[in-house]
Amino acid sequence: MSTSKQLLTSVQVARFVAQGFLRLDGVVPQEINERAMATLTEGLPDVAYGTPLGKAFAPDTFIHELLAVPDVAGAVESLVGPEPTVDHHAVHVREPHEGEAQPLHADAIIDVRPDAFDVQLMYYPHEVTAEMGGTLSVPGSHLRRINESDVGRVQNLRGQTRLVCPAGTVVLVHHGIWHGGRRNDTARRRFMYKLRLNPTVPQVRLWDTRDLDDPAVTAELNAYLPWYEQAAARLEIYNRALLWRALTGDASFDVEYWVTRVSNRPAQRSHA
């Protein structure tokens, strides 16, 4: 296994901007997964808000080793930079035969930043089957701002995903994505470790930008998702274009001229 960070491509980052998440299936070695399971059953110590990530976890912990996995390290750096700080971390457990699911919600109640975002790393140290109540999320919902459980009454949306994955899977999500833990219908406890990270550097071109001009980038940013209505989709694409402008530092980028139309201010132009 390579020990070098595997930075994301522009196409991957554009997909994250459009869909609000990035899956890294089975990238964590089994020995780390086994150590994680032994640790998570006992709980984790608190980490003070704002602790630099490099100082938050001792080298002999599974979390330190998890974050050193090249695919994980590269994805984290590509999205929040080389020196993020810890917002918080937690162990989420779905008990056997719970009988109920968590309502659909977004975690970041008051965080409506249009030009920056935190990343929540979700790590699954064991296989998650459909019966185990994998995390449900709604791709493309992260830029549609809600107040925590405003959508809690919604039962299903077209295109929602219910995580089924192999052991050692990591999912990185935008802080605003709509999600919820499904009920666990098996006799085994389901574990998920969550770590929220805050950027400390401008989130501008942190990834491998060699494919920045690939037409697939714009295709990702212009993708319609199943739960969008035709008119509502324009709002999502507009917000994606704004975020992509911020992430690339390119104030001229647009998709279907949505941002160009809205930013047109003839009265402010000089006629001298």
Protein backbone atom coordinates (compact mmCIF):
# COMPACT_ATOMS: atom_id res chain seq x y z
CA MET A 1 0.00 0.00 0.00
CA SER A 2 1.29 3.43 -0.91
CA THR A 3 2.19 5.67 2.02
CA SER A 4 1.79 8.90 0.03
CA LYS A 5 -1.32 11.04 0.33
CA GLN A 6 -3.71 10.46 -2.53
CA LEU A 7 -5.12 13.90 -3.28
CA LEU A 8 -8.51 14.08 -4.93
CA THR A 9 -8.95 15.04 -8.56
CA SER A 10 -10.96 18.04 -9.74
CA VAL A 11 -13.69 15.68 -10.96
CA GLN A 12 -13.93 14.09 -7.49
CA VAL A 13 -14.10 17.49 -5.76
CA ALA A 14 -16.73 18.68 -8.26
CA ARG A 15 -18.75 15.55 -7.45
CA PHE A 16 -18.45 16.39 -3.75
CA VAL A 17 -19.64 19.95 -4.44
CA ALA A 18 -22.62 18.60 -6.38
CA GLN A 19 -23.59 15.67 -4.18
CA GLY A 20 -22.24 16.65 -0.76
CA PHE A 21 -20.33 13.47 0.00
CA LEU A 22 -17.44 11.26 -1.06
CA ARG A 23 -17.26 7.50 -0.43
CA LEU A 24 -14.00 5.65 0.08
CA ASP A 25 -15.07 2.02 0.21
CA GLY A 26 -12.93 -0.45 2.17
CA VAL A 27 -9.81 1.73 2.22
CA VAL A 28 -8.93 1.13 5.89
CA PRO A 29 -6.85 -2.01 6.56
CA GLN A 30 -8.47 -4.76 8.61
CA GLU A 31 -5.97 -4.47 11.48
CA ILE A 32 -7.07 -0.86 12.04
CA ASN A 33 -10.72 -1.90 11.83
CA GLU A 34 -10.16 -4.52 14.53
CA ARG A 35 -8.44 -2.03 16.82
CA ALA A 36 -11.24 0.45 16.22
CA MET A 37 -13.91 -2.06 17.20
CA ALA A 38 -12.10 -2.87 20.43
CA THR A 39 -11.84 0.84 21.25
CA LEU A 40 -15.30 2.01 20.20
CA THR A 41 -17.04 -0.42 22.52
CA GLU A 42 -15.34 1.40 25.43
CA GLY A 43 -16.05 4.96 24.23
CA LEU A 44 -13.63 7.76 23.42
CA PRO A 45 -12.14 10.64 25.43
CA ASP A 46 -13.23 14.17 24.59
CA VAL A 47 -11.10 16.38 22.37
CA ALA A 48 -11.21 20.12 23.01
CA TYR A 49 -12.80 22.22 20.28
CA GLY A 50 -10.15 23.76 18.02
CA THR A 51 -7.41 21.23 18.74
CA PRO A 52 -5.11 20.92 15.71
CA LEU A 53 -5.73 17.56 14.07
CA GLY A 54 -2.06 16.66 14.20
CA LYS A 55 -2.08 17.00 18.00
CA ALA A 56 -5.53 15.60 18.78
CA PHE A 57 -4.83 11.87 18.71
CA ALA A 58 -1.82 9.96 20.03
CA PRO A 59 0.19 7.91 17.51
CA ASP A 60 -0.83 4.66 19.18
CA THR A 61 -4.58 5.25 18.63
CA PHE A 62 -6.67 3.81 15.82
CA ILE A 63 -7.83 7.34 14.92
CA HIS A 64 -4.26 8.48 14.25
CA GLU A 65 -3.73 5.42 12.03
CA LEU A 66 -7.10 5.91 10.31
CA LEU A 67 -6.21 9.48 9.38
CA ALA A 68 -2.83 8.35 8.05
CA VAL A 69 -4.36 5.98 5.48
CA PRO A 70 -3.26 7.58 2.17
CA ASP A 71 -6.72 7.77 0.61
CA VAL A 72 -8.18 9.25 3.79
CA ALA A 73 -5.32 11.70 4.38
CA GLY A 74 -5.43 12.87 0.77
CA ALA A 75 -9.20 13.34 0.73
CA VAL A 76 -9.19 15.28 4.00
CA GLU A 77 -6.40 17.58 2.81
CA SER A 78 -8.13 18.08 -0.54
CA LEU A 79 -11.31 19.30 1.14
CA VAL A 80 -10.26 21.12 4.34
CA GLY A 81 -6.54 21.62 3.90
CA PRO A 82 -3.38 20.34 5.58
CA GLU A 83 -3.96 21.73 9.08
CA PRO A 84 -7.64 21.38 10.05
CA THR A 85 -8.80 21.52 13.63
CA VAL A 86 -11.15 19.17 15.45
CA ASP A 87 -14.66 20.45 15.98
CA HIS A 88 -15.83 17.33 17.82
CA HIS A 89 -15.89 13.57 17.52
CA ALA A 90 -18.32 10.92 18.66
CA VAL A 91 -19.25 7.25 18.51
CA HIS A 92 -22.68 6.56 17.05
CA VAL A 93 -24.25 3.20 17.91
CA ARG A 94 -27.41 1.63 16.55
CA GLU A 95 -28.53 -1.02 18.99
CA PRO A 96 -29.87 -4.43 17.90
CA HIS A 97 -33.56 -4.50 16.99
CA GLU A 98 -34.00 -0.85 17.96
CA GLY A 99 -37.38 -0.57 16.33
CA GLU A 100 -37.07 3.03 15.15
CA ALA A 101 -34.93 5.20 12.91
CA GLN A 102 -33.40 8.62 13.43
CA PRO A 103 -35.38 11.41 11.72
CA LEU A 104 -33.89 13.01 8.64
CA HIS A 105 -31.90 16.08 9.71
CA ALA A 106 -28.85 18.26 9.11
CA ASP A 107 -26.26 18.72 11.86
CA ALA A 108 -25.13 22.29 11.23
CA ILE A 109 -28.10 24.28 12.49
CA ILE A 110 -26.74 27.81 12.05
CA ASP A 111 -23.88 27.19 9.61
CA VAL A 112 -24.91 28.78 6.32
CA ARG A 113 -21.48 29.73 4.96
CA PRO A 114 -21.74 29.83 1.14
CA ASP A 115 -18.00 29.87 0.46
CA ALA A 116 -16.57 27.45 3.04
CA PHE A 117 -17.57 24.22 4.72
CA ASP A 118 -16.60 21.74 7.39
CA VAL A 119 -16.21 18.05 6.65
CA GLN A 120 -17.68 15.27 8.72
CA LEU A 121 -15.72 12.05 8.43
CA MET A 122 -17.85 8.95 9.00
CA TYR A 123 -15.93 5.70 9.51
CA TYR A 124 -17.48 2.24 9.48
CA PRO A 125 -15.04 -0.32 10.95
CA HIS A 126 -17.22 -3.33 10.15
CA GLU A 127 -19.41 -4.34 7.24
CA VAL A 128 -22.75 -2.58 7.12
CA THR A 129 -25.62 -4.52 5.56
CA ALA A 130 -29.01 -3.12 4.62
CA GLU A 131 -30.53 -4.84 7.64
CA MET A 132 -28.08 -3.11 10.00
CA GLY A 133 -29.55 0.32 9.39
CA GLY A 134 -26.88 2.06 7.37
CA THR A 135 -26.79 5.87 7.40
CA LEU A 136 -29.37 7.35 5.05
CA SER A 137 -28.43 10.54 3.21
CA VAL A 138 -29.89 12.68 0.45
CA PRO A 139 -27.31 13.47 -2.25
CA GLY A 140 -27.30 17.12 -3.24
CA SER A 141 -29.15 18.32 -0.15
CA HIS A 142 -26.18 20.02 1.54
CA LEU A 143 -26.68 23.43 -0.10
CA ARG A 144 -30.43 23.50 0.64
CA ARG A 145 -30.20 25.02 4.11
CA ILE A 146 -32.51 23.74 6.82
CA ASN A 147 -32.72 24.13 10.59
CA GLU A 148 -31.70 20.71 11.92
CA SER A 149 -34.86 18.56 11.82
CA ASP A 150 -37.04 20.76 9.58
CA VAL A 151 -37.25 17.78 7.20
CA GLY A 152 -37.72 15.24 9.98
CA ARG A 153 -41.30 14.55 8.89
CA VAL A 154 -40.09 13.47 5.44
CA GLN A 155 -39.98 9.69 5.16
CA ASN A 156 -38.41 9.14 1.75
CA LEU A 157 -36.98 11.22 -1.11
CA ARG A 158 -36.20 10.01 -4.59
CA GLY A 159 -32.50 9.25 -4.96
CA GLN A 160 -31.75 8.94 -1.24
CA THR A 161 -28.99 6.50 -0.38
CA ARG A 162 -28.90 4.02 2.47
CA LEU A 163 -25.31 3.08 3.18
CA VAL A 164 -24.33 -0.51 2.58
CA CYS A 165 -20.57 -0.93 2.64
CA PRO A 166 -17.62 -3.21 3.39
CA ALA A 167 -15.56 -2.90 6.57
CA GLY A 168 -13.10 -0.03 6.55
CA THR A 169 -15.26 2.39 4.59
CA VAL A 170 -14.95 6.14 5.10
CA VAL A 171 -17.54 8.66 3.93
CA LEU A 172 -16.68 12.36 3.94
CA VAL A 173 -19.74 14.63 3.96
CA HIS A 174 -20.38 18.36 3.72
CA HIS A 175 -21.62 19.63 7.08
CA GLY A 176 -25.04 20.53 5.67
CA ILE A 177 -26.10 17.21 4.15
CA TRP A 178 -29.47 15.77 5.17
CA HIS A 179 -29.01 12.37 6.80
CA GLY A 180 -30.22 10.02 9.51
CA GLY A 181 -29.36 6.67 11.05
CA ARG A 182 -31.70 3.88 10.00
CA ARG A 183 -33.00 1.32 12.45
CA ASN A 184 -30.92 -1.79 13.08
CA ASP A 185 -32.92 -4.96 12.43
CA THR A 186 -30.09 -7.38 13.26
CA ALA A 187 -28.82 -8.90 16.49
CA ARG A 188 -25.48 -7.05 16.19
CA ARG A 189 -24.65 -3.50 17.30
CA ARG A 190 -23.70 -1.15 14.48
CA PHE A 191 -20.88 1.32 15.06
CA MET A 192 -19.93 4.49 13.25
CA TYR A 193 -17.17 6.90 14.27
CA LYS A 194 -17.74 10.56 13.32
CA LEU A 195 -15.13 13.32 13.27
CA ARG A 196 -15.97 16.90 12.26
CA LEU A 197 -13.08 18.96 10.93
CA ASN A 198 -12.79 22.75 10.53
CA PRO A 199 -10.50 24.23 7.85
CA THR A 200 -7.82 26.70 8.95
CA VAL A 201 -6.62 27.71 5.48
CA PRO A 202 -8.55 29.07 2.49
CA GLN A 203 -10.24 26.15 0.75
CA VAL A 204 -8.83 27.10 -2.63
CA ARG A 205 -7.31 24.53 -5.01
CA LEU A 206 -6.25 22.16 -2.23
CA TRP A 207 -6.57 19.09 -4.47
CA ASP A 208 -4.75 17.82 -7.57
CA THR A 209 -5.88 20.40 -10.13
CA ARG A 210 -4.29 18.87 -13.23
CA ASP A 211 -7.75 17.96 -14.55
CA LEU A 212 -9.36 21.30 -13.67
CA ASP A 213 -10.34 21.95 -17.30
CA ASP A 214 -11.76 18.45 -17.87
CA PRO A 215 -15.32 18.75 -19.27
CA ALA A 216 -16.32 16.11 -16.71
CA VAL A 217 -15.94 18.78 -14.00
CA THR A 218 -18.75 20.90 -15.42
CA ALA A 219 -20.79 17.76 -16.09
CA GLU A 220 -20.61 16.87 -12.38
CA LEU A 221 -21.62 20.38 -11.34
CA ASN A 222 -24.54 20.38 -13.79
CA ALA A 223 -25.93 16.98 -12.77
CA TYR A 224 -29.63 16.81 -11.86
CA LEU A 225 -30.52 14.59 -8.91
CA PRO A 226 -33.76 12.60 -8.62
CA TRP A 227 -35.43 14.62 -5.85
CA TYR A 228 -35.03 17.95 -7.62
CA GLU A 229 -37.97 19.59 -9.33
CA GLN A 230 -37.06 21.32 -12.58
CA ALA A 231 -37.13 24.87 -11.21
CA ALA A 232 -35.57 23.90 -7.89
CA ALA A 233 -32.65 22.27 -9.66
CA ARG A 234 -31.58 25.69 -10.92
CA LEU A 235 -31.11 26.87 -7.35
CA GLU A 236 -28.89 23.89 -6.54
CA ILE A 237 -26.78 24.38 -9.66
CA TYR A 238 -26.49 28.10 -8.92
CA ASN A 239 -25.25 27.36 -5.40
CA ARG A 240 -22.81 24.75 -6.70
CA ALA A 241 -21.38 27.27 -9.14
CA LEU A 242 -20.91 29.80 -6.34
CA LEU A 243 -19.08 27.24 -4.21
CA TRP A 244 -16.94 26.13 -7.15
CA ARG A 245 -15.95 29.75 -7.80
CA ALA A 246 -14.83 30.00 -4.18
CA LEU A 247 -12.93 26.70 -4.23
CA THR A 248 -11.12 27.44 -7.48
CA GLY A 249 -10.66 31.20 -7.10
CA ASP A 250 -12.21 31.56 -10.55
CA ALA A 251 -14.81 34.35 -10.38
CA SER A 252 -15.81 33.75 -13.99
CA PHE A 253 -16.87 30.11 -13.68
CA ASP A 254 -20.51 29.40 -14.42
CA VAL A 255 -22.96 26.68 -15.39
CA GLU A 256 -25.66 27.69 -17.86
CA TYR A 257 -24.94 31.36 -16.99
CA TRP A 258 -26.97 31.16 -13.77
CA VAL A 259 -24.51 33.15 -11.65
CA THR A 260 -23.66 35.52 -14.50
CA ARG A 261 -27.33 36.47 -14.85
CA VAL A 262 -27.83 37.09 -11.14
CA SER A 263 -24.61 39.05 -10.68
CA ASN A 264 -25.33 41.38 -13.60
CA ARG A 265 -25.51 44.94 -12.22
CA PRO A 266 -25.64 47.41 -15.16
CA ALA A 267 -26.35 50.36 -12.86
CA GLN A 268 -22.99 49.88 -11.18
CA ARG A 269 -20.98 50.10 -14.37
CA SER A 270 -19.05 53.24 -15.13
CA HIS A 271 -20.17 55.16 -18.21
CA ALA A 272 -17.23 57.52 -18.14
